[in-house]
């Protein structure tokens, strides 16, 4: 959802993420990079708010990356429907 989830990320984590995401890259238009949906990322956040800016209709407040979940597949990750349920 948020493309600005860099709070609390170390330089090492950001470098690893950049390299990993380039491995998953399928398109790069110079502004957006599209990835194969394979890497699960655990995100913490302090709240949700409605947003017309994001396709899912919600924004995560104070979102931050906790860890990368190599123990989970993309099929096992939460979906926007799970996040919407949290908003209610």
PDB file of N, CA and C in Angstrom:
ATOM      1  N   UNK A   1       0.826  -1.182   0.000  1.00  0.00           N
ATOM      2  CA  UNK A   1       0.000   0.000   0.000  1.00  0.00           C
ATOM      3  C   UNK A   1       0.869   1.242   0.000  1.00  0.00           C
ATOM      4  N   UNK A   2       1.608   1.479   1.071  1.00  0.00           N
ATOM      5  CA  UNK A   2       2.447   2.663   1.096  1.00  0.00           C
ATOM      6  C   UNK A   2       3.776   2.394   0.399  1.00  0.00           C
ATOM      7  N   UNK A   3       4.194   3.327  -0.407  1.00  0.00           N
ATOM      8  CA  UNK A   3       5.487   3.209  -1.052  1.00  0.00           C
ATOM      9  C   UNK A   3       6.545   3.955  -0.260  1.00  0.00           C
ATOM     10  N   UNK A   4       6.220   4.462   0.889  1.00  0.00           N
ATOM     11  CA  UNK A   4       7.154   5.267   1.672  1.00  0.00           C
ATOM     12  C   UNK A   4       7.383   4.629   3.037  1.00  0.00           C
ATOM     13  N   UNK A   5       7.635   3.355   3.064  1.00  0.00           N
ATOM     14  CA  UNK A   5       7.789   2.617   4.313  1.00  0.00           C
ATOM     15  C   UNK A   5       9.264   2.435   4.632  1.00  0.00           C
ATOM     16  N   UNK A   6       9.927   3.530   4.958  1.00  0.00           N
ATOM     17  CA  UNK A   6      11.363   3.471   5.209  1.00  0.00           C
ATOM     18  C   UNK A   6      11.721   3.815   6.643  1.00  0.00           C
ATOM     19  N   UNK A   7      10.741   4.035   7.501  1.00  0.00           N
ATOM     20  CA  UNK A   7      11.024   4.354   8.887  1.00  0.00           C
ATOM     21  C   UNK A   7      11.719   3.171   9.556  1.00  0.00           C
ATOM     22  N   UNK A   8      12.715   3.467  10.340  1.00  0.00           N
ATOM     23  CA  UNK A   8      13.445   2.465  11.124  1.00  0.00           C
ATOM     24  C   UNK A   8      14.252   1.485  10.276  1.00  0.00           C
ATOM     25  N   UNK A   9      14.374   1.699   8.974  1.00  0.00           N
ATOM     26  CA  UNK A   9      15.176   0.799   8.152  1.00  0.00           C
ATOM     27  C   UNK A   9      16.644   1.193   8.236  1.00  0.00           C
ATOM     28  N   UNK A  10      17.491   0.222   8.484  1.00  0.00           N
ATOM     29  CA  UNK A  10      18.927   0.480   8.484  1.00  0.00           C
ATOM     30  C   UNK A  10      19.415   0.568   7.037  1.00  0.00           C
ATOM     31  N   UNK A  11      20.585   1.128   6.841  1.00  0.00           N
ATOM     32  CA  UNK A  11      21.168   1.181   5.503  1.00  0.00           C
ATOM     33  C   UNK A  11      21.360  -0.236   4.961  1.00  0.00           C
ATOM     34  N   UNK A  12      21.741  -1.154   5.839  1.00  0.00           N
ATOM     35  CA  UNK A  12      21.947  -2.550   5.430  1.00  0.00           C
ATOM     36  C   UNK A  12      20.636  -3.177   4.958  1.00  0.00           C
ATOM     37  N   UNK A  13      19.548  -2.946   5.692  1.00  0.00           N
ATOM     38  CA  UNK A  13      18.248  -3.498   5.310  1.00  0.00           C
ATOM     39  C   UNK A  13      17.770  -2.902   3.988  1.00  0.00           C
ATOM     40  N   UNK A  14      17.950  -1.604   3.822  1.00  0.00           N
ATOM     41  CA  UNK A  14      17.528  -0.951   2.584  1.00  0.00           C
ATOM     42  C   UNK A  14      18.333  -1.457   1.391  1.00  0.00           C
ATOM     43  N   UNK A  15      19.632  -1.672   1.575  1.00  0.00           N
ATOM     44  CA  UNK A  15      20.470  -2.209   0.499  1.00  0.00           C
ATOM     45  C   UNK A  15      20.034  -3.626   0.144  1.00  0.00           C
ATOM     46  N   UNK A  16      19.765  -4.457   1.160  1.00  0.00           N
ATOM     47  CA  UNK A  16      19.301  -5.827   0.900  1.00  0.00           C
ATOM     48  C   UNK A  16      17.974  -5.793   0.156  1.00  0.00           C
ATOM     49  N   UNK A  17      17.040  -4.954   0.623  1.00  0.00           N
ATOM     50  CA  UNK A  17      15.723  -4.863  -0.004  1.00  0.00           C
ATOM     51  C   UNK A  17      15.841  -4.436  -1.459  1.00  0.00           C
ATOM     52  N   UNK A  18      16.670  -3.448  -1.734  1.00  0.00           N
ATOM     53  CA  UNK A  18      16.845  -2.974  -3.107  1.00  0.00           C
ATOM     54  C   UNK A  18      17.365  -4.095  -4.002  1.00  0.00           C
ATOM     55  N   UNK A  19      18.380  -4.817  -3.537  1.00  0.00           N
ATOM     56  CA  UNK A  19      18.935  -5.927  -4.320  1.00  0.00           C
ATOM     57  C   UNK A  19      17.885  -7.027  -4.507  1.00  0.00           C
ATOM     58  N   UNK A  20      17.174  -7.372  -3.452  1.00  0.00           N
ATOM     59  CA  UNK A  20      16.156  -8.440  -3.524  1.00  0.00           C
ATOM     60  C   UNK A  20      15.044  -8.048  -4.475  1.00  0.00           C
ATOM     61  N   UNK A  21      14.566  -6.820  -4.372  1.00  0.00           N
ATOM     62  CA  UNK A  21      13.472  -6.392  -5.237  1.00  0.00           C
ATOM     63  C   UNK A  21      13.903  -6.315  -6.694  1.00  0.00           C
ATOM     64  N   UNK A  22      15.150  -5.993  -6.961  1.00  0.00           N
ATOM     65  CA  UNK A  22      15.640  -6.005  -8.346  1.00  0.00           C
ATOM     66  C   UNK A  22      15.641  -7.430  -8.909  1.00  0.00           C
ATOM     67  N   UNK A  23      15.863  -8.417  -8.047  1.00  0.00           N
ATOM     68  CA  UNK A  23      15.783  -9.823  -8.486  1.00  0.00           C
ATOM     69  C   UNK A  23      14.360 -10.182  -8.910  1.00  0.00           C
ATOM     70  N   UNK A  24      13.380  -9.551  -8.291  1.00  0.00           N
ATOM     71  CA  UNK A  24      11.970  -9.855  -8.549  1.00  0.00           C
ATOM     72  C   UNK A  24      11.348  -8.934  -9.605  1.00  0.00           C
ATOM     73  N   UNK A  25      12.130  -8.027 -10.131  1.00  0.00           N
ATOM     74  CA  UNK A  25      11.631  -7.017 -11.062  1.00  0.00           C
ATOM     75  C   UNK A  25      11.132  -7.623 -12.367  1.00  0.00           C
ATOM     76  N   UNK A  26       9.957  -7.158 -12.796  1.00  0.00           N
ATOM     77  CA  UNK A  26       9.436  -7.541 -14.113  1.00  0.00           C
ATOM     78  C   UNK A  26       9.259  -6.323 -15.016  1.00  0.00           C
ATOM     79  N   UNK A  27       9.204  -5.123 -14.419  1.00  0.00           N
ATOM     80  CA  UNK A  27       9.079  -3.901 -15.216  1.00  0.00           C
ATOM     81  C   UNK A  27       9.573  -2.714 -14.390  1.00  0.00           C
ATOM     82  N   UNK A  28      10.146  -1.735 -15.095  1.00  0.00           N
ATOM     83  CA  UNK A  28      10.598  -0.500 -14.457  1.00  0.00           C
ATOM     84  C   UNK A  28      10.380   0.622 -15.457  1.00  0.00           C
ATOM     85  N   UNK A  29       9.417   1.506 -15.165  1.00  0.00           N
ATOM     86  CA  UNK A  29       9.127   2.596 -16.091  1.00  0.00           C
ATOM     87  C   UNK A  29       9.858   3.889 -15.711  1.00  0.00           C
ATOM     88  N   UNK A  30      10.807   3.781 -14.797  1.00  0.00           N
ATOM     89  CA  UNK A  30      11.538   4.955 -14.349  1.00  0.00           C
ATOM     90  C   UNK A  30      10.922   5.614 -13.131  1.00  0.00           C
ATOM     91  N   UNK A  31       9.694   5.268 -12.828  1.00  0.00           N
ATOM     92  CA  UNK A  31       9.000   5.814 -11.657  1.00  0.00           C
ATOM     93  C   UNK A  31       8.507   4.686 -10.747  1.00  0.00           C
ATOM     94  N   UNK A  32       7.896   3.674 -11.347  1.00  0.00           N
ATOM     95  CA  UNK A  32       7.377   2.522 -10.612  1.00  0.00           C
ATOM     96  C   UNK A  32       8.114   1.266 -11.044  1.00  0.00           C
ATOM     97  N   UNK A  33       8.412   0.422 -10.083  1.00  0.00           N
ATOM     98  CA  UNK A  33       9.014  -0.877 -10.363  1.00  0.00           C
ATOM     99  C   UNK A  33       7.987  -1.938  -9.999  1.00  0.00           C
ATOM    100  N   UNK A  34       7.659  -2.798 -10.956  1.00  0.00           N
ATOM    101  CA  UNK A  34       6.707  -3.886 -10.732  1.00  0.00           C
ATOM    102  C   UNK A  34       7.491  -5.150 -10.426  1.00  0.00           C
ATOM    103  N   UNK A  35       7.072  -5.857  -9.381  1.00  0.00           N
ATOM    104  CA  UNK A  35       7.769  -7.058  -8.926  1.00  0.00           C
ATOM    105  C   UNK A  35       6.878  -8.280  -9.050  1.00  0.00           C
ATOM    106  N   UNK A  36       7.512  -9.447  -9.196  1.00  0.00           N
ATOM    107  CA  UNK A  36       6.780 -10.700  -9.036  1.00  0.00           C
ATOM    108  C   UNK A  36       6.378 -10.774  -7.566  1.00  0.00           C
ATOM    109  N   UNK A  37       5.151 -11.154  -7.252  1.00  0.00           N
ATOM    110  CA  UNK A  37       4.687 -11.165  -5.855  1.00  0.00           C
ATOM    111  C   UNK A  37       5.186 -12.393  -5.101  1.00  0.00           C
ATOM    112  N   UNK A  38       6.443 -12.361  -4.700  1.00  0.00           N
ATOM    113  CA  UNK A  38       7.047 -13.516  -4.040  1.00  0.00           C
ATOM    114  C   UNK A  38       7.594 -13.214  -2.652  1.00  0.00           C
ATOM    115  N   UNK A  39       8.039 -11.999  -2.399  1.00  0.00           N
ATOM    116  CA  UNK A  39       8.655 -11.667  -1.115  1.00  0.00           C
ATOM    117  C   UNK A  39       7.592 -11.158  -0.148  1.00  0.00           C
ATOM    118  N   UNK A  40       7.452 -11.823   0.988  1.00  0.00           N
ATOM    119  CA  UNK A  40       6.503 -11.394   2.009  1.00  0.00           C
ATOM    120  C   UNK A  40       7.245 -10.479   2.981  1.00  0.00           C
ATOM    121  N   UNK A  41       6.634  -9.342   3.264  1.00  0.00           N
ATOM    122  CA  UNK A  41       7.208  -8.349   4.165  1.00  0.00           C
ATOM    123  C   UNK A  41       6.224  -8.128   5.306  1.00  0.00           C
ATOM    124  N   UNK A  42       6.706  -8.202   6.531  1.00  0.00           N
ATOM    125  CA  UNK A  42       5.858  -7.947   7.695  1.00  0.00           C
ATOM    126  C   UNK A  42       5.939  -6.460   8.023  1.00  0.00           C
ATOM    127  N   UNK A  43       4.783  -5.811   8.018  1.00  0.00           N
ATOM    128  CA  UNK A  43       4.686  -4.376   8.239  1.00  0.00           C
ATOM    129  C   UNK A  43       3.936  -4.108   9.534  1.00  0.00           C
ATOM    130  N   UNK A  44       4.463  -3.236  10.362  1.00  0.00           N
ATOM    131  CA  UNK A  44       3.754  -2.759  11.552  1.00  0.00           C
ATOM    132  C   UNK A  44       3.211  -1.370  11.225  1.00  0.00           C
ATOM    133  N   UNK A  45       2.109  -1.015  11.857  1.00  0.00           N
ATOM    134  CA  UNK A  45       1.547   0.319  11.663  1.00  0.00           C
ATOM    135  C   UNK A  45       0.751   0.697  12.896  1.00  0.00           C
ATOM    136  N   UNK A  46       0.535   2.005  13.054  1.00  0.00           N
ATOM    137  CA  UNK A  46      -0.156   2.499  14.238  1.00  0.00           C
ATOM    138  C   UNK A  46      -1.639   2.757  14.011  1.00  0.00           C
ATOM    139  N   UNK A  47      -2.058   2.774  12.780  1.00  0.00           N
ATOM    140  CA  UNK A  47      -3.466   3.017  12.498  1.00  0.00           C
ATOM    141  C   UNK A  47      -3.727   2.984  11.009  1.00  0.00           C
ATOM    142  N   UNK A  48      -4.989   3.103  10.678  1.00  0.00           N
ATOM    143  CA  UNK A  48      -5.429   3.112   9.283  1.00  0.00           C
ATOM    144  C   UNK A  48      -6.263   4.358   9.044  1.00  0.00           C
ATOM    145  N   UNK A  49      -6.202   4.847   7.819  1.00  0.00           N
ATOM    146  CA  UNK A  49      -7.103   5.939   7.452  1.00  0.00           C
ATOM    147  C   UNK A  49      -7.557   5.740   6.018  1.00  0.00           C
ATOM    148  N   UNK A  50      -8.751   6.206   5.731  1.00  0.00           N
ATOM    149  CA  UNK A  50      -9.257   6.131   4.361  1.00  0.00           C
ATOM    150  C   UNK A  50      -8.404   7.032   3.471  1.00  0.00           C
ATOM    151  N   UNK A  51      -8.203   6.585   2.237  1.00  0.00           N
ATOM    152  CA  UNK A  51      -7.372   7.348   1.318  1.00  0.00           C
ATOM    153  C   UNK A  51      -7.873   7.175  -0.106  1.00  0.00           C
ATOM    154  N   UNK A  52      -7.997   8.275  -0.808  1.00  0.00           N
ATOM    155  CA  UNK A  52      -8.330   8.216  -2.234  1.00  0.00           C
ATOM    156  C   UNK A  52      -7.062   8.114  -3.073  1.00  0.00           C
ATOM    157  N   UNK A  53      -5.924   8.224  -2.426  1.00  0.00           N
ATOM    158  CA  UNK A  53      -4.637   8.211  -3.116  1.00  0.00           C
ATOM    159  C   UNK A  53      -4.195   6.798  -3.505  1.00  0.00           C
ATOM    160  N   UNK A  54      -4.577   5.805  -2.718  1.00  0.00           N
ATOM    161  CA  UNK A  54      -4.120   4.434  -2.938  1.00  0.00           C
ATOM    162  C   UNK A  54      -5.259   3.574  -3.471  1.00  0.00           C
ATOM    163  N   UNK A  55      -4.955   2.662  -4.389  1.00  0.00           N
ATOM    164  CA  UNK A  55      -5.998   1.820  -4.990  1.00  0.00           C
ATOM    165  C   UNK A  55      -6.794   1.010  -3.968  1.00  0.00           C
ATOM    166  N   UNK A  56      -6.186   0.628  -2.858  1.00  0.00           N
ATOM    167  CA  UNK A  56      -6.895  -0.146  -1.831  1.00  0.00           C
ATOM    168  C   UNK A  56      -7.842   0.681  -0.994  1.00  0.00           C
ATOM    169  N   UNK A  57      -7.766   2.016  -1.113  1.00  0.00           N
ATOM    170  CA  UNK A  57      -8.674   2.885  -0.384  1.00  0.00           C
ATOM    171  C   UNK A  57      -8.275   3.157   1.057  1.00  0.00           C
ATOM    172  N   UNK A  58      -7.109   2.644   1.466  1.00  0.00           N
ATOM    173  CA  UNK A  58      -6.634   2.836   2.834  1.00  0.00           C
ATOM    174  C   UNK A  58      -5.160   3.209   2.832  1.00  0.00           C
ATOM    175  N   UNK A  59      -4.759   3.927   3.870  1.00  0.00           N
ATOM    176  CA  UNK A  59      -3.345   4.232   4.087  1.00  0.00           C
ATOM    177  C   UNK A  59      -2.965   3.729   5.473  1.00  0.00           C
ATOM    178  N   UNK A  60      -1.786   3.138   5.578  1.00  0.00           N
ATOM    179  CA  UNK A  60      -1.260   2.709   6.873  1.00  0.00           C
ATOM    180  C   UNK A  60      -0.586   3.907   7.523  1.00  0.00           C
ATOM    181  N   UNK A  61      -0.925   4.192   8.778  1.00  0.00           N
ATOM    182  CA  UNK A  61      -0.326   5.312   9.499  1.00  0.00           C
ATOM    183  C   UNK A  61       0.940   4.841  10.206  1.00  0.00           C
ATOM    184  N   UNK A  62       2.022   5.565  10.011  1.00  0.00           N
ATOM    185  CA  UNK A  62       3.305   5.273  10.639  1.00  0.00           C
ATOM    186  C   UNK A  62       3.753   3.836  10.375  1.00  0.00           C
ATOM    187  N   UNK A  63       3.664   3.437   9.112  1.00  0.00           N
ATOM    188  CA  UNK A  63       4.049   2.077   8.710  1.00  0.00           C
ATOM    189  C   UNK A  63       5.558   1.908   8.761  1.00  0.00           C
ATOM    190  N   UNK A  64       5.995   0.709   9.119  1.00  0.00           N
ATOM    191  CA  UNK A  64       7.422   0.401   9.144  1.00  0.00           C
ATOM    192  C   UNK A  64       7.632  -1.083   8.889  1.00  0.00           C
ATOM    193  N   UNK A  65       8.717  -1.391   8.226  1.00  0.00           N
ATOM    194  CA  UNK A  65       9.077  -2.781   7.943  1.00  0.00           C
ATOM    195  C   UNK A  65       9.611  -3.405   9.227  1.00  0.00           C
ATOM    196  N   UNK A  66       9.022  -4.532   9.614  1.00  0.00           N
ATOM    197  CA  UNK A  66       9.537  -5.274  10.768  1.00  0.00           C
ATOM    198  C   UNK A  66      10.552  -6.310  10.336  1.00  0.00           C
ATOM    199  N   UNK A  67      10.183  -7.079   9.302  1.00  0.00           N
ATOM    200  CA  UNK A  67      11.095  -8.119   8.824  1.00  0.00           C
ATOM    201  C   UNK A  67      10.573  -8.687   7.513  1.00  0.00           C
ATOM    202  N   UNK A  68      11.427  -9.438   6.875  1.00  0.00           N
ATOM    203  CA  UNK A  68      11.082 -10.145   5.648  1.00  0.00           C
ATOM    204  C   UNK A  68      10.773 -11.577   6.041  1.00  0.00           C
ATOM    205  N   UNK A  69       9.666 -12.112   5.535  1.00  0.00           N
ATOM    206  CA  UNK A  69       9.174 -13.410   5.969  1.00  0.00           C
ATOM    207  C   UNK A  69       9.442 -14.475   4.911  1.00  0.00           C
ATOM    208  N   UNK A  70      10.641 -15.004   4.909  1.00  0.00           N
ATOM    209  CA  UNK A  70      10.981 -16.070   3.974  1.00  0.00           C
ATOM    210  C   UNK A  70      10.303 -17.385   4.353  1.00  0.00           C
ATOM    211  N   UNK A  71       9.720 -17.431   5.561  1.00  0.00           N
ATOM    212  CA  UNK A  71       8.999 -18.623   6.006  1.00  0.00           C
ATOM    213  C   UNK A  71       7.569 -18.660   5.485  1.00  0.00           C
ATOM    214  N   UNK A  72       7.114 -17.587   4.812  1.00  0.00           N
ATOM    215  CA  UNK A  72       5.755 -17.525   4.274  1.00  0.00           C
ATOM    216  C   UNK A  72       5.796 -17.335   2.766  1.00  0.00           C
ATOM    217  N   UNK A  73       4.830 -17.917   2.101  1.00  0.00           N
ATOM    218  CA  UNK A  73       4.673 -17.684   0.663  1.00  0.00           C
ATOM    219  C   UNK A  73       3.729 -16.508   0.462  1.00  0.00           C
ATOM    220  N   UNK A  74       3.733 -15.957  -0.727  1.00  0.00           N
ATOM    221  CA  UNK A  74       2.813 -14.866  -1.035  1.00  0.00           C
ATOM    222  C   UNK A  74       1.362 -15.305  -0.836  1.00  0.00           C
ATOM    223  N   UNK A  75       1.067 -16.560  -1.120  1.00  0.00           N
ATOM    224  CA  UNK A  75      -0.297 -17.066  -0.945  1.00  0.00           C
ATOM    225  C   UNK A  75      -0.720 -17.069   0.524  1.00  0.00           C
ATOM    226  N   UNK A  76       0.244 -17.118   1.444  1.00  0.00           N
ATOM    227  CA  UNK A  76      -0.055 -17.143   2.876  1.00  0.00           C
ATOM    228  C   UNK A  76      -0.096 -15.742   3.492  1.00  0.00           C
ATOM    229  N   UNK A  77       0.247 -14.728   2.722  1.00  0.00           N
ATOM    230  CA  UNK A  77       0.278 -13.358   3.244  1.00  0.00           C
ATOM    231  C   UNK A  77      -1.132 -12.794   3.368  1.00  0.00           C
ATOM    232  N   UNK A  78      -1.275 -11.816   4.262  1.00  0.00           N
ATOM    233  CA  UNK A  78      -2.556 -11.125   4.387  1.00  0.00           C
ATOM    234  C   UNK A  78      -2.837 -10.346   3.108  1.00  0.00           C
ATOM    235  N   UNK A  79      -4.092 -10.067   2.880  1.00  0.00           N
ATOM    236  CA  UNK A  79      -4.522  -9.334   1.693  1.00  0.00           C
ATOM    237  C   UNK A  79      -5.127  -8.001   2.109  1.00  0.00           C
ATOM    238  N   UNK A  80      -5.471  -7.184   1.136  1.00  0.00           N
ATOM    239  CA  UNK A  80      -6.143  -5.920   1.409  1.00  0.00           C
ATOM    240  C   UNK A  80      -7.464  -6.165   2.139  1.00  0.00           C
ATOM    241  N   UNK A  81      -8.091  -7.308   1.909  1.00  0.00           N
ATOM    242  CA  UNK A  81      -9.337  -7.617   2.618  1.00  0.00           C
ATOM    243  C   UNK A  81      -9.104  -7.747   4.122  1.00  0.00           C
ATOM    244  N   UNK A  82      -7.966  -8.314   4.510  1.00  0.00           N
ATOM    245  CA  UNK A  82      -7.620  -8.413   5.926  1.00  0.00           C
ATOM    246  C   UNK A  82      -7.436  -7.023   6.518  1.00  0.00           C
ATOM    247  N   UNK A  83      -6.757  -6.160   5.785  1.00  0.00           N
ATOM    248  CA  UNK A  83      -6.538  -4.789   6.258  1.00  0.00           C
ATOM    249  C   UNK A  83      -7.867  -4.042   6.353  1.00  0.00           C
ATOM    250  N   UNK A  84      -8.745  -4.228   5.383  1.00  0.00           N
ATOM    251  CA  UNK A  84     -10.059  -3.581   5.433  1.00  0.00           C
ATOM    252  C   UNK A  84     -10.846  -4.047   6.652  1.00  0.00           C
ATOM    253  N   UNK A  85     -10.745  -5.332   6.985  1.00  0.00           N
ATOM    254  CA  UNK A  85     -11.444  -5.857   8.156  1.00  0.00           C
ATOM    255  C   UNK A  85     -10.921  -5.197   9.437  1.00  0.00           C
ATOM    256  N   UNK A  86      -9.617  -4.913   9.484  1.00  0.00           N
ATOM    257  CA  UNK A  86      -9.049  -4.227  10.638  1.00  0.00           C
ATOM    258  C   UNK A  86      -9.579  -2.800  10.777  1.00  0.00           C
ATOM    259  N   UNK A  87      -9.928  -2.197   9.648  1.00  0.00           N
ATOM    260  CA  UNK A  87     -10.398  -0.817   9.651  1.00  0.00           C
ATOM    261  C   UNK A  87     -11.814  -0.694  10.217  1.00  0.00           C
ATOM    262  N   UNK A  88     -12.515  -1.813  10.279  1.00  0.00           N
ATOM    263  CA  UNK A  88     -13.911  -1.764  10.769  1.00  0.00           C
ATOM    264  C   UNK A  88     -13.980  -2.167  12.166  1.00  0.00           C
TER     265      UNK A  88
END
